[in-house]
């Protein structure tokens, strides 16, 4: 669930960055999702 939530937040942030005329950072995915590891039951 955390990865789904973070994905949604990442895309909202990306829209805000682009709307402001800035170039999105290359490591945007890593900033939002790279640290959240999948848990295996």
Protein backbone atom coordinates (compact mmCIF):
# COMPACT_ATOMS: atom_id res chain seq x y z
CA UNK A 1 0.00 0.00 0.00
CA UNK A 2 2.83 2.39 0.78
CA UNK A 3 4.27 2.06 -2.73
CA UNK A 4 0.87 2.84 -4.29
CA UNK A 5 0.48 5.94 -2.14
CA UNK A 6 4.02 7.10 -2.86
CA UNK A 7 3.51 6.56 -6.60
CA UNK A 8 0.47 8.82 -6.54
CA UNK A 9 2.40 11.47 -4.63
CA UNK A 10 5.30 11.22 -7.07
CA UNK A 11 3.05 11.91 -10.06
CA UNK A 12 1.44 14.86 -8.31
CA UNK A 13 4.87 16.27 -7.55
CA UNK A 14 5.95 15.69 -11.15
CA UNK A 15 2.91 17.64 -12.41
CA UNK A 16 3.76 20.50 -10.04
CA UNK A 17 7.39 20.56 -11.17
CA UNK A 18 6.48 20.59 -14.85
CA UNK A 19 3.74 23.21 -14.36
CA UNK A 20 6.32 25.49 -12.75
CA UNK A 21 8.52 25.23 -15.83
CA UNK A 22 11.31 23.33 -14.10
CA UNK A 23 13.02 20.23 -15.39
CA UNK A 24 12.17 17.14 -13.33
CA UNK A 25 15.12 15.64 -11.48
CA UNK A 26 16.64 12.53 -13.01
CA UNK A 27 16.30 10.59 -9.76
CA UNK A 28 12.68 11.44 -8.98
CA UNK A 29 11.71 7.75 -8.80
CA UNK A 30 14.54 7.02 -6.38
CA UNK A 31 13.51 9.92 -4.15
CA UNK A 32 9.93 8.70 -3.86
CA UNK A 33 10.03 4.93 -4.25
CA UNK A 34 13.62 3.74 -4.25
CA UNK A 35 13.82 3.44 -0.48
CA UNK A 36 10.46 1.70 0.01
CA UNK A 37 11.26 -1.98 -0.30
CA UNK A 38 8.59 -4.51 -1.02
CA UNK A 39 7.80 -6.74 1.90
CA UNK A 40 7.53 -10.43 1.21
CA UNK A 41 5.04 -12.39 3.32
